[in-house]
């Protein structure tokens, strides 16, 4: 399935989640999806994105590790459904939005829990989501710079 569709599916699931376990499951799903997208870009994405994409993979993996894997059937794992990343720019824009929503959901959860363990788990996951989003924004900046450079080079007269 295309990355953009998977991100949209994840955003809807996160928005519809209610309880603590459900929110943490959807946050984990979003981080696992970010990890898969980062991995795909690191291997076969534009060369100028590969370093940042590798960083995204590591940071999103940290976000998953902080939360611990939820009890999901293999068919329910969104990241495993990733088959296409046709439009890297669109996917990164949408992924940045998803990661922002992850942070908001975690802040809300952290404010509502009574136990310190879950609170600090949320704080660490917020940090991982925020750093992942920073990587996504940097990749978008690099894509924009590449597009600008290509336009400039295309506008230059041949010698």
Protein backbone atom coordinates (compact mmCIF):
# COMPACT_ATOMS: atom_id res chain seq x y z
CA UNK A 1 0.00 0.00 0.00
CA UNK A 2 1.17 3.53 -0.71
CA UNK A 3 2.78 5.47 2.15
CA UNK A 4 0.35 8.38 1.83
CA UNK A 5 -2.66 6.07 2.24
CA UNK A 6 -1.07 4.35 5.22
CA UNK A 7 -0.33 7.67 6.89
CA UNK A 8 -3.95 8.73 6.37
CA UNK A 9 -5.11 5.43 7.87
CA UNK A 10 -2.84 5.99 10.87
CA UNK A 11 -4.05 9.57 11.35
CA UNK A 12 -7.67 8.44 11.34
CA UNK A 13 -6.97 5.63 13.81
CA UNK A 14 -5.08 7.98 16.13
CA UNK A 15 -7.86 10.56 15.99
CA UNK A 16 -10.43 7.86 16.78
CA UNK A 17 -8.53 6.29 19.66
CA UNK A 18 -9.91 6.83 23.13
CA UNK A 19 -8.38 4.90 25.97
CA UNK A 20 -4.79 4.80 27.14
CA UNK A 21 -4.01 1.43 25.56
CA UNK A 22 -5.62 2.39 22.27
CA UNK A 23 -3.74 5.71 22.11
CA UNK A 24 -0.41 4.04 22.88
CA UNK A 25 -1.10 1.39 20.24
CA UNK A 26 -1.82 4.01 17.58
CA UNK A 27 1.22 6.05 18.59
CA UNK A 28 3.35 2.92 18.28
CA UNK A 29 1.80 2.21 14.85
CA UNK A 30 2.64 5.76 13.71
CA UNK A 31 6.24 5.46 14.92
CA UNK A 32 6.62 2.05 13.24
CA UNK A 33 5.28 3.56 10.02
CA UNK A 34 7.74 6.46 10.29
CA UNK A 35 10.51 3.92 10.82
CA UNK A 36 9.47 1.98 7.70
CA UNK A 37 9.25 5.12 5.58
CA UNK A 38 12.64 6.28 6.83
CA UNK A 39 14.12 2.88 6.03
CA UNK A 40 12.65 2.91 2.53
CA UNK A 41 14.02 6.42 1.86
CA UNK A 42 17.42 5.51 3.30
CA UNK A 43 17.72 2.60 0.88
CA UNK A 44 16.08 3.88 -2.29
CA UNK A 45 15.21 7.53 -1.78
CA UNK A 46 16.93 10.57 -3.25
CA UNK A 47 20.62 10.53 -2.29
CA UNK A 48 20.46 13.84 -0.41
CA UNK A 49 17.79 12.41 1.92
CA UNK A 50 19.48 9.17 2.86
CA UNK A 51 21.36 10.40 5.94
CA UNK A 52 18.30 12.11 7.41
CA UNK A 53 16.15 9.12 6.48
CA UNK A 54 18.49 6.81 8.38
CA UNK A 55 18.23 9.16 11.36
CA UNK A 56 14.43 9.04 11.09
CA UNK A 57 14.56 5.25 11.11
CA UNK A 58 16.63 5.26 14.30
CA UNK A 59 14.54 7.89 16.09
CA UNK A 60 11.21 6.30 15.19
CA UNK A 61 12.61 2.97 16.32
CA UNK A 62 13.46 4.57 19.65
CA UNK A 63 9.86 5.80 19.84
CA UNK A 64 8.61 2.26 19.29
CA UNK A 65 11.04 0.87 21.84
CA UNK A 66 9.98 3.33 24.53
CA UNK A 67 6.37 2.27 24.14
CA UNK A 68 6.90 -1.45 23.76
CA UNK A 69 5.21 -3.44 21.02
CA UNK A 70 1.44 -3.65 21.35
CA UNK A 71 -0.41 -6.91 20.99
CA UNK A 72 -1.29 -6.74 17.28
CA UNK A 73 -2.08 -9.36 14.72
CA UNK A 74 0.56 -9.28 11.97
CA UNK A 75 -2.10 -8.21 9.47
CA UNK A 76 -2.88 -5.14 11.57
CA UNK A 77 0.66 -3.77 11.42
CA UNK A 78 0.49 -0.72 9.13
CA UNK A 79 4.24 -0.53 8.57
CA UNK A 80 4.24 -4.07 7.15
CA UNK A 81 1.77 -2.96 4.47
CA UNK A 82 4.13 -0.34 3.04
CA UNK A 83 4.84 -1.27 -0.56
CA UNK A 84 5.05 2.05 -2.40
CA UNK A 85 6.59 5.42 -1.73
CA UNK A 86 5.80 7.06 -5.05
CA UNK A 87 5.66 10.67 -3.87
CA UNK A 88 8.33 11.25 -1.23
CA UNK A 89 7.42 14.91 -0.80
CA UNK A 90 3.72 14.22 -0.19
CA UNK A 91 4.53 11.31 2.12
CA UNK A 92 6.93 13.45 4.15
CA UNK A 93 4.43 16.31 4.43
CA UNK A 94 1.76 13.92 5.66
CA UNK A 95 4.18 12.09 7.95
CA UNK A 96 5.21 15.38 9.54
CA UNK A 97 1.53 16.07 10.28
CA UNK A 98 1.06 12.60 11.73
CA UNK A 99 4.09 12.97 13.99
CA UNK A 100 2.77 16.32 15.22
CA UNK A 101 -0.56 14.66 16.05
CA UNK A 102 1.31 11.88 17.84
CA UNK A 103 2.97 14.47 20.04
CA UNK A 104 -0.37 16.12 20.84
CA UNK A 105 -1.99 12.78 21.69
CA UNK A 106 0.91 11.90 23.98
CA UNK A 107 0.77 15.26 25.76
CA UNK A 108 -2.94 14.72 26.39
CA UNK A 109 -2.30 11.23 27.68
CA UNK A 110 0.60 12.32 29.88
CA UNK A 111 -1.58 14.99 31.47
CA UNK A 112 -4.30 12.48 32.31
CA UNK A 113 -2.35 9.55 33.77
CA UNK A 114 -1.78 9.01 37.47
CA UNK A 115 1.25 6.74 37.39
CA UNK A 116 4.76 8.08 36.93
CA UNK A 117 5.85 5.19 34.71
CA UNK A 118 3.30 5.99 32.00
CA UNK A 119 3.97 9.70 32.36
CA UNK A 120 7.69 9.29 31.70
CA UNK A 121 7.02 6.79 28.93
CA UNK A 122 4.88 9.46 27.25
CA UNK A 123 7.58 12.11 27.78
CA UNK A 124 10.21 9.94 26.09
CA UNK A 125 7.83 9.08 23.25
CA UNK A 126 7.03 12.80 22.79
CA UNK A 127 10.74 13.50 22.50
CA UNK A 128 11.19 10.73 19.91
CA UNK A 129 8.18 11.94 17.89
CA UNK A 130 9.44 15.53 18.00
CA UNK A 131 12.94 14.57 16.88
CA UNK A 132 11.47 12.34 14.15
CA UNK A 133 9.38 15.27 12.94
CA UNK A 134 12.51 17.45 12.87
CA UNK A 135 14.15 14.89 10.57
CA UNK A 136 11.10 14.89 8.32
CA UNK A 137 11.16 18.71 8.12
CA UNK A 138 14.87 18.64 7.25
CA UNK A 139 14.21 16.14 4.46
CA UNK A 140 11.47 18.40 3.11
CA UNK A 141 13.91 21.33 3.19
CA UNK A 142 16.46 19.28 1.26
CA UNK A 143 13.86 18.25 -1.32
CA UNK A 144 12.84 21.89 -1.79
CA UNK A 145 16.48 22.91 -2.23
CA UNK A 146 16.98 20.16 -4.82
CA UNK A 147 13.86 21.22 -6.74
CA UNK A 148 15.00 24.84 -6.67
CA UNK A 149 18.47 23.86 -7.90
CA UNK A 150 16.98 21.75 -10.71
CA UNK A 151 14.70 24.61 -11.78
CA UNK A 152 17.63 27.03 -11.78
CA UNK A 153 19.78 24.64 -13.81
CA UNK A 154 16.92 24.09 -16.24
CA UNK A 155 16.56 27.83 -16.73
CA UNK A 156 20.23 28.36 -17.55
CA UNK A 157 21.08 28.59 -21.25
CA UNK A 158 23.24 25.79 -22.61
CA UNK A 159 26.82 26.68 -23.45
